[in-house]
Amino acid sequence: MLRTKEDITNQFGYHKATSETGPLHDSIRKDFITFAKNIYDVIPDGPEKTIVMRKLQEALMYTNLAVALTAPLVDGSNFQ
């Protein structure tokens, strides 16, 4: 939740992957790819299938954002 200007800096700043978060990003991405491939042929072609795939992409982005925000903010991304 963005309650302060510092929260904005943290949310929008650059958080470089670390030795802890990098492997998490890789594992999460691998799991999402596996899941998407597993359900791709099960879902009938149509607009709903497109929505499902887009929502999975969105979920992946927010999952990786949650992990990234646990890494330290990189110096220089605290713009005034």
PDB file of N, CA and C in Angstrom:
ATOM      1  N   MET A   1       0.845  -1.171   0.000  1.00  0.00           N
ATOM      2  CA  MET A   1       0.000   0.000   0.000  1.00  0.00           C
ATOM      3  C   MET A   1       0.897   1.243   0.000  1.00  0.00           C
ATOM      4  N   LEU A   2       0.554   2.215  -0.804  1.00  0.00           N
ATOM      5  CA  LEU A   2       1.351   3.434  -0.908  1.00  0.00           C
ATOM      6  C   LEU A   2       0.793   4.481   0.050  1.00  0.00           C
ATOM      7  N   ARG A   3       1.403   4.576   1.222  1.00  0.00           N
ATOM      8  CA  ARG A   3       0.922   5.516   2.243  1.00  0.00           C
ATOM      9  C   ARG A   3       1.798   6.755   2.357  1.00  0.00           C
ATOM     10  N   THR A   4       3.044   6.635   1.927  1.00  0.00           N
ATOM     11  CA  THR A   4       3.975   7.755   2.044  1.00  0.00           C
ATOM     12  C   THR A   4       4.756   7.909   0.748  1.00  0.00           C
ATOM     13  N   LYS A   5       5.463   9.018   0.625  1.00  0.00           N
ATOM     14  CA  LYS A   5       6.320   9.211  -0.543  1.00  0.00           C
ATOM     15  C   LYS A   5       7.466   8.210  -0.541  1.00  0.00           C
ATOM     16  N   GLU A   6       7.905   7.774   0.635  1.00  0.00           N
ATOM     17  CA  GLU A   6       8.941   6.743   0.705  1.00  0.00           C
ATOM     18  C   GLU A   6       8.414   5.420   0.148  1.00  0.00           C
ATOM     19  N   ASP A   7       7.133   5.139   0.410  1.00  0.00           N
ATOM     20  CA  ASP A   7       6.524   3.934  -0.161  1.00  0.00           C
ATOM     21  C   ASP A   7       6.522   4.000  -1.684  1.00  0.00           C
ATOM     22  N   ILE A   8       6.273   5.184  -2.220  1.00  0.00           N
ATOM     23  CA  ILE A   8       6.281   5.361  -3.677  1.00  0.00           C
ATOM     24  C   ILE A   8       7.679   5.088  -4.221  1.00  0.00           C
ATOM     25  N   THR A   9       8.688   5.640  -3.550  1.00  0.00           N
ATOM     26  CA  THR A   9      10.071   5.408  -3.975  1.00  0.00           C
ATOM     27  C   THR A   9      10.392   3.920  -3.957  1.00  0.00           C
ATOM     28  N   ASN A  10       9.975   3.227  -2.906  1.00  0.00           N
ATOM     29  CA  ASN A  10      10.240   1.800  -2.812  1.00  0.00           C
ATOM     30  C   ASN A  10       9.497   1.021  -3.891  1.00  0.00           C
ATOM     31  N   GLN A  11       8.246   1.365  -4.123  1.00  0.00           N
ATOM     32  CA  GLN A  11       7.423   0.644  -5.093  1.00  0.00           C
ATOM     33  C   GLN A  11       7.908   0.844  -6.527  1.00  0.00           C
ATOM     34  N   PHE A  12       8.319   2.058  -6.851  1.00  0.00           N
ATOM     35  CA  PHE A  12       8.701   2.377  -8.225  1.00  0.00           C
ATOM     36  C   PHE A  12      10.209   2.328  -8.459  1.00  0.00           C
ATOM     37  N   GLY A  13      10.988   2.217  -7.390  1.00  0.00           N
ATOM     38  CA  GLY A  13      12.444   2.167  -7.508  1.00  0.00           C
ATOM     39  C   GLY A  13      12.925   0.835  -8.047  1.00  0.00           C
ATOM     40  N   TYR A  14      14.195   0.776  -8.336  1.00  0.00           N
ATOM     41  CA  TYR A  14      14.812  -0.420  -8.905  1.00  0.00           C
ATOM     42  C   TYR A  14      15.353  -1.308  -7.786  1.00  0.00           C
ATOM     43  N   HIS A  15      14.909  -2.535  -7.765  1.00  0.00           N
ATOM     44  CA  HIS A  15      15.362  -3.525  -6.801  1.00  0.00           C
ATOM     45  C   HIS A  15      16.087  -4.617  -7.581  1.00  0.00           C
ATOM     46  N   LYS A  16      17.405  -4.567  -7.542  1.00  0.00           N
ATOM     47  CA  LYS A  16      18.204  -5.551  -8.270  1.00  0.00           C
ATOM     48  C   LYS A  16      18.071  -6.914  -7.611  1.00  0.00           C
ATOM     49  N   ALA A  17      17.949  -7.948  -8.443  1.00  0.00           N
ATOM     50  CA  ALA A  17      17.862  -9.304  -7.921  1.00  0.00           C
ATOM     51  C   ALA A  17      19.113  -9.628  -7.106  1.00  0.00           C
ATOM     52  N   THR A  18      18.912 -10.341  -6.038  1.00  0.00           N
ATOM     53  CA  THR A  18      20.008 -10.746  -5.161  1.00  0.00           C
ATOM     54  C   THR A  18      20.214 -12.255  -5.286  1.00  0.00           C
ATOM     55  N   SER A  19      21.172 -12.768  -4.538  1.00  0.00           N
ATOM     56  CA  SER A  19      21.408 -14.217  -4.547  1.00  0.00           C
ATOM     57  C   SER A  19      20.213 -14.969  -3.973  1.00  0.00           C
ATOM     58  N   GLU A  20      19.373 -14.278  -3.217  1.00  0.00           N
ATOM     59  CA  GLU A  20      18.167 -14.902  -2.666  1.00  0.00           C
ATOM     60  C   GLU A  20      16.966 -14.718  -3.595  1.00  0.00           C
ATOM     61  N   THR A  21      16.780 -13.510  -4.132  1.00  0.00           N
ATOM     62  CA  THR A  21      15.584 -13.245  -4.935  1.00  0.00           C
ATOM     63  C   THR A  21      15.715 -13.739  -6.371  1.00  0.00           C
ATOM     64  N   GLY A  22      16.914 -13.749  -6.916  1.00  0.00           N
ATOM     65  CA  GLY A  22      17.111 -14.211  -8.294  1.00  0.00           C
ATOM     66  C   GLY A  22      16.602 -15.626  -8.527  1.00  0.00           C
ATOM     67  N   PRO A  23      17.030 -16.576  -7.686  1.00  0.00           N
ATOM     68  CA  PRO A  23      16.523 -17.934  -7.858  1.00  0.00           C
ATOM     69  C   PRO A  23      15.004 -18.043  -7.642  1.00  0.00           C
ATOM     70  N   LEU A  24      14.456 -17.214  -6.765  1.00  0.00           N
ATOM     71  CA  LEU A  24      13.001 -17.216  -6.572  1.00  0.00           C
ATOM     72  C   LEU A  24      12.285 -16.779  -7.847  1.00  0.00           C
ATOM     73  N   HIS A  25      12.803 -15.722  -8.474  1.00  0.00           N
ATOM     74  CA  HIS A  25      12.222 -15.264  -9.744  1.00  0.00           C
ATOM     75  C   HIS A  25      12.247 -16.391 -10.780  1.00  0.00           C
ATOM     76  N   ASP A  26      13.375 -17.069 -10.878  1.00  0.00           N
ATOM     77  CA  ASP A  26      13.513 -18.159 -11.848  1.00  0.00           C
ATOM     78  C   ASP A  26      12.540 -19.297 -11.559  1.00  0.00           C
ATOM     79  N   SER A  27      12.420 -19.656 -10.300  1.00  0.00           N
ATOM     80  CA  SER A  27      11.529 -20.741  -9.904  1.00  0.00           C
ATOM     81  C   SER A  27      10.064 -20.384 -10.162  1.00  0.00           C
ATOM     82  N   ILE A  28       9.695 -19.168  -9.824  1.00  0.00           N
ATOM     83  CA  ILE A  28       8.325 -18.698 -10.045  1.00  0.00           C
ATOM     84  C   ILE A  28       8.001 -18.708 -11.534  1.00  0.00           C
ATOM     85  N   ARG A  29       8.910 -18.169 -12.342  1.00  0.00           N
ATOM     86  CA  ARG A  29       8.681 -18.125 -13.786  1.00  0.00           C
ATOM     87  C   ARG A  29       8.530 -19.538 -14.351  1.00  0.00           C
ATOM     88  N   LYS A  30       9.377 -20.457 -13.915  1.00  0.00           N
ATOM     89  CA  LYS A  30       9.307 -21.843 -14.373  1.00  0.00           C
ATOM     90  C   LYS A  30       7.954 -22.457 -14.011  1.00  0.00           C
ATOM     91  N   ASP A  31       7.491 -22.230 -12.786  1.00  0.00           N
ATOM     92  CA  ASP A  31       6.207 -22.776 -12.351  1.00  0.00           C
ATOM     93  C   ASP A  31       5.040 -22.205 -13.157  1.00  0.00           C
ATOM     94  N   PHE A  32       5.073 -20.903 -13.437  1.00  0.00           N
ATOM     95  CA  PHE A  32       4.016 -20.291 -14.240  1.00  0.00           C
ATOM     96  C   PHE A  32       4.015 -20.850 -15.665  1.00  0.00           C
ATOM     97  N   ILE A  33       5.193 -21.018 -16.249  1.00  0.00           N
ATOM     98  CA  ILE A  33       5.279 -21.573 -17.604  1.00  0.00           C
ATOM     99  C   ILE A  33       4.710 -22.990 -17.624  1.00  0.00           C
ATOM    100  N   THR A  34       5.079 -23.794 -16.649  1.00  0.00           N
ATOM    101  CA  THR A  34       4.560 -25.158 -16.576  1.00  0.00           C
ATOM    102  C   THR A  34       3.042 -25.158 -16.464  1.00  0.00           C
ATOM    103  N   PHE A  35       2.511 -24.338 -15.567  1.00  0.00           N
ATOM    104  CA  PHE A  35       1.066 -24.268 -15.381  1.00  0.00           C
ATOM    105  C   PHE A  35       0.360 -23.806 -16.655  1.00  0.00           C
ATOM    106  N   ALA A  36       0.875 -22.748 -17.261  1.00  0.00           N
ATOM    107  CA  ALA A  36       0.257 -22.222 -18.485  1.00  0.00           C
ATOM    108  C   ALA A  36       0.252 -23.268 -19.592  1.00  0.00           C
ATOM    109  N   LYS A  37       1.363 -23.988 -19.745  1.00  0.00           N
ATOM    110  CA  LYS A  37       1.426 -25.038 -20.772  1.00  0.00           C
ATOM    111  C   LYS A  37       0.458 -26.175 -20.461  1.00  0.00           C
ATOM    112  N   ASN A  38       0.304 -26.514 -19.179  1.00  0.00           N
ATOM    113  CA  ASN A  38      -0.583 -27.605 -18.787  1.00  0.00           C
ATOM    114  C   ASN A  38      -2.058 -27.294 -19.064  1.00  0.00           C
ATOM    115  N   ILE A  39      -2.448 -26.047 -18.926  1.00  0.00           N
ATOM    116  CA  ILE A  39      -3.864 -25.727 -19.126  1.00  0.00           C
ATOM    117  C   ILE A  39      -4.166 -25.190 -20.527  1.00  0.00           C
ATOM    118  N   TYR A  40      -3.139 -24.858 -21.292  1.00  0.00           N
ATOM    119  CA  TYR A  40      -3.348 -24.251 -22.613  1.00  0.00           C
ATOM    120  C   TYR A  40      -4.240 -25.107 -23.508  1.00  0.00           C
ATOM    121  N   ASP A  41      -3.959 -26.391 -23.597  1.00  0.00           N
ATOM    122  CA  ASP A  41      -4.735 -27.264 -24.478  1.00  0.00           C
ATOM    123  C   ASP A  41      -6.085 -27.661 -23.884  1.00  0.00           C
ATOM    124  N   VAL A  42      -6.250 -27.474 -22.597  1.00  0.00           N
ATOM    125  CA  VAL A  42      -7.499 -27.826 -21.927  1.00  0.00           C
ATOM    126  C   VAL A  42      -8.561 -26.735 -22.136  1.00  0.00           C
ATOM    127  N   ILE A  43      -8.111 -25.502 -22.216  1.00  0.00           N
ATOM    128  CA  ILE A  43      -9.039 -24.378 -22.366  1.00  0.00           C
ATOM    129  C   ILE A  43      -9.438 -24.256 -23.836  1.00  0.00           C
ATOM    130  N   PRO A  44     -10.739 -24.208 -24.112  1.00  0.00           N
ATOM    131  CA  PRO A  44     -11.165 -24.035 -25.507  1.00  0.00           C
ATOM    132  C   PRO A  44     -10.681 -22.696 -26.061  1.00  0.00           C
ATOM    133  N   ASP A  45     -10.334 -22.688 -27.351  1.00  0.00           N
ATOM    134  CA  ASP A  45      -9.952 -21.443 -28.001  1.00  0.00           C
ATOM    135  C   ASP A  45     -11.106 -20.450 -27.909  1.00  0.00           C
ATOM    136  N   GLY A  46     -10.744 -19.196 -27.711  1.00  0.00           N
ATOM    137  CA  GLY A  46     -11.751 -18.146 -27.624  1.00  0.00           C
ATOM    138  C   GLY A  46     -11.252 -17.016 -26.751  1.00  0.00           C
ATOM    139  N   PRO A  47     -12.070 -16.014 -26.567  1.00  0.00           N
ATOM    140  CA  PRO A  47     -11.642 -14.850 -25.797  1.00  0.00           C
ATOM    141  C   PRO A  47     -11.300 -15.189 -24.344  1.00  0.00           C
ATOM    142  N   GLU A  48     -11.968 -16.183 -23.785  1.00  0.00           N
ATOM    143  CA  GLU A  48     -11.682 -16.548 -22.396  1.00  0.00           C
ATOM    144  C   GLU A  48     -10.275 -17.108 -22.250  1.00  0.00           C
ATOM    145  N   LYS A  49      -9.844 -17.889 -23.242  1.00  0.00           N
ATOM    146  CA  LYS A  49      -8.487 -18.441 -23.211  1.00  0.00           C
ATOM    147  C   LYS A  49      -7.463 -17.312 -23.244  1.00  0.00           C
ATOM    148  N   THR A  50      -7.726 -16.322 -24.086  1.00  0.00           N
ATOM    149  CA  THR A  50      -6.841 -15.159 -24.156  1.00  0.00           C
ATOM    150  C   THR A  50      -6.786 -14.448 -22.810  1.00  0.00           C
ATOM    151  N   ILE A  51      -7.935 -14.291 -22.182  1.00  0.00           N
ATOM    152  CA  ILE A  51      -7.985 -13.622 -20.874  1.00  0.00           C
ATOM    153  C   ILE A  51      -7.217 -14.420 -19.831  1.00  0.00           C
ATOM    154  N   VAL A  52      -7.391 -15.737 -19.839  1.00  0.00           N
ATOM    155  CA  VAL A  52      -6.672 -16.580 -18.879  1.00  0.00           C
ATOM    156  C   VAL A  52      -5.167 -16.401 -19.035  1.00  0.00           C
ATOM    157  N   MET A  53      -4.674 -16.446 -20.259  1.00  0.00           N
ATOM    158  CA  MET A  53      -3.233 -16.306 -20.487  1.00  0.00           C
ATOM    159  C   MET A  53      -2.745 -14.918 -20.068  1.00  0.00           C
ATOM    160  N   ARG A  54      -3.527 -13.900 -20.368  1.00  0.00           N
ATOM    161  CA  ARG A  54      -3.139 -12.542 -19.957  1.00  0.00           C
ATOM    162  C   ARG A  54      -3.126 -12.403 -18.442  1.00  0.00           C
ATOM    163  N   LYS A  55      -4.111 -12.987 -17.789  1.00  0.00           N
ATOM    164  CA  LYS A  55      -4.165 -12.911 -16.328  1.00  0.00           C
ATOM    165  C   LYS A  55      -3.018 -13.678 -15.691  1.00  0.00           C
ATOM    166  N   LEU A  56      -2.607 -14.777 -16.313  1.00  0.00           N
ATOM    167  CA  LEU A  56      -1.437 -15.488 -15.815  1.00  0.00           C
ATOM    168  C   LEU A  56      -0.182 -14.630 -15.950  1.00  0.00           C
ATOM    169  N   GLN A  57      -0.065 -13.920 -17.071  1.00  0.00           N
ATOM    170  CA  GLN A  57       1.073 -13.002 -17.236  1.00  0.00           C
ATOM    171  C   GLN A  57       1.034 -11.922 -16.156  1.00  0.00           C
ATOM    172  N   GLU A  58      -0.144 -11.398 -15.916  1.00  0.00           N
ATOM    173  CA  GLU A  58      -0.305 -10.362 -14.891  1.00  0.00           C
ATOM    174  C   GLU A  58       0.049 -10.926 -13.508  1.00  0.00           C
ATOM    175  N   ALA A  59      -0.425 -12.124 -13.211  1.00  0.00           N
ATOM    176  CA  ALA A  59      -0.117 -12.745 -11.926  1.00  0.00           C
ATOM    177  C   ALA A  59       1.381 -12.979 -11.768  1.00  0.00           C
ATOM    178  N   LEU A  60       2.040 -13.393 -12.856  1.00  0.00           N
ATOM    179  CA  LEU A  60       3.491 -13.581 -12.812  1.00  0.00           C
ATOM    180  C   LEU A  60       4.192 -12.260 -12.505  1.00  0.00           C
ATOM    181  N   MET A  61       3.753 -11.206 -13.162  1.00  0.00           N
ATOM    182  CA  MET A  61       4.391  -9.901 -12.925  1.00  0.00           C
ATOM    183  C   MET A  61       4.243  -9.467 -11.469  1.00  0.00           C
ATOM    184  N   TYR A  62       3.049  -9.611 -10.916  1.00  0.00           N
ATOM    185  CA  TYR A  62       2.842  -9.187  -9.531  1.00  0.00           C
ATOM    186  C   TYR A  62       3.530 -10.111  -8.536  1.00  0.00           C
ATOM    187  N   THR A  63       3.625 -11.381  -8.863  1.00  0.00           N
ATOM    188  CA  THR A  63       4.353 -12.307  -7.995  1.00  0.00           C
ATOM    189  C   THR A  63       5.829 -11.930  -7.963  1.00  0.00           C
ATOM    190  N   ASN A  64       6.400 -11.666  -9.139  1.00  0.00           N
ATOM    191  CA  ASN A  64       7.802 -11.258  -9.181  1.00  0.00           C
ATOM    192  C   ASN A  64       8.019  -9.890  -8.549  1.00  0.00           C
ATOM    193  N   LEU A  65       7.044  -9.000  -8.662  1.00  0.00           N
ATOM    194  CA  LEU A  65       7.150  -7.699  -7.994  1.00  0.00           C
ATOM    195  C   LEU A  65       7.203  -7.888  -6.482  1.00  0.00           C
ATOM    196  N   ALA A  66       6.354  -8.764  -5.963  1.00  0.00           N
ATOM    197  CA  ALA A  66       6.355  -9.016  -4.522  1.00  0.00           C
ATOM    198  C   ALA A  66       7.715  -9.507  -4.047  1.00  0.00           C
ATOM    199  N   VAL A  67       8.330 -10.382  -4.830  1.00  0.00           N
ATOM    200  CA  VAL A  67       9.664 -10.877  -4.489  1.00  0.00           C
ATOM    201  C   VAL A  67      10.693  -9.758  -4.635  1.00  0.00           C
ATOM    202  N   ALA A  68      10.623  -9.006  -5.722  1.00  0.00           N
ATOM    203  CA  ALA A  68      11.603  -7.941  -5.973  1.00  0.00           C
ATOM    204  C   ALA A  68      11.592  -6.901  -4.860  1.00  0.00           C
ATOM    205  N   LEU A  69      10.428  -6.597  -4.335  1.00  0.00           N
ATOM    206  CA  LEU A  69      10.338  -5.569  -3.301  1.00  0.00           C
ATOM    207  C   LEU A  69      10.988  -5.983  -1.991  1.00  0.00           C
ATOM    208  N   THR A  70      11.347  -7.265  -1.854  1.00  0.00           N
ATOM    209  CA  THR A  70      12.061  -7.696  -0.651  1.00  0.00           C
ATOM    210  C   THR A  70      13.559  -7.434  -0.773  1.00  0.00           C
ATOM    211  N   ALA A  71      14.034  -7.167  -1.989  1.00  0.00           N
ATOM    212  CA  ALA A  71      15.447  -6.852  -2.203  1.00  0.00           C
ATOM    213  C   ALA A  71      15.676  -5.373  -1.899  1.00  0.00           C
ATOM    214  N   PRO A  72      16.899  -5.017  -1.536  1.00  0.00           N
ATOM    215  CA  PRO A  72      17.186  -3.614  -1.240  1.00  0.00           C
ATOM    216  C   PRO A  72      16.986  -2.722  -2.468  1.00  0.00           C
ATOM    217  N   LEU A  73      16.582  -1.516  -2.206  1.00  0.00           N
ATOM    218  CA  LEU A  73      16.445  -0.502  -3.245  1.00  0.00           C
ATOM    219  C   LEU A  73      17.847  -0.099  -3.702  1.00  0.00           C
ATOM    220  N   VAL A  74      18.085  -0.065  -4.986  1.00  0.00           N
ATOM    221  CA  VAL A  74      19.398   0.285  -5.541  1.00  0.00           C
ATOM    222  C   VAL A  74      19.616   1.786  -5.420  1.00  0.00           C
ATOM    223  N   ASP A  75      20.809   2.174  -4.988  1.00  0.00           N
ATOM    224  CA  ASP A  75      21.157   3.602  -4.930  1.00  0.00           C
ATOM    225  C   ASP A  75      20.987   4.222  -6.298  1.00  0.00           C
ATOM    226  N   GLY A  76      20.485   5.426  -6.342  1.00  0.00           N
ATOM    227  CA  GLY A  76      20.278   6.101  -7.606  1.00  0.00           C
ATOM    228  C   GLY A  76      18.846   5.995  -8.071  1.00  0.00           C
ATOM    229  N   SER A  77      18.064   5.118  -7.445  1.00  0.00           N
ATOM    230  CA  SER A  77      16.663   5.046  -7.849  1.00  0.00           C
ATOM    231  C   SER A  77      15.781   5.854  -6.909  1.00  0.00           C
ATOM    232  N   ASN A  78      16.417   6.611  -6.038  1.00  0.00           N
ATOM    233  CA  ASN A  78      15.682   7.506  -5.154  1.00  0.00           C
ATOM    234  C   ASN A  78      15.682   8.904  -5.740  1.00  0.00           C
ATOM    235  N   PHE A  79      14.975   9.054  -6.858  1.00  0.00           N
ATOM    236  CA  PHE A  79      14.918  10.342  -7.550  1.00  0.00           C
ATOM    237  C   PHE A  79      14.053  11.310  -6.766  1.00  0.00           C
ATOM    238  N   GLN A  80      14.410  12.526  -6.796  1.00  0.00           N
ATOM    239  CA  GLN A  80      13.630  13.552  -6.066  1.00  0.00           C
ATOM    240  C   GLN A  80      12.628  14.211  -6.977  1.00  0.00           C
TER     241      GLN A  80
END
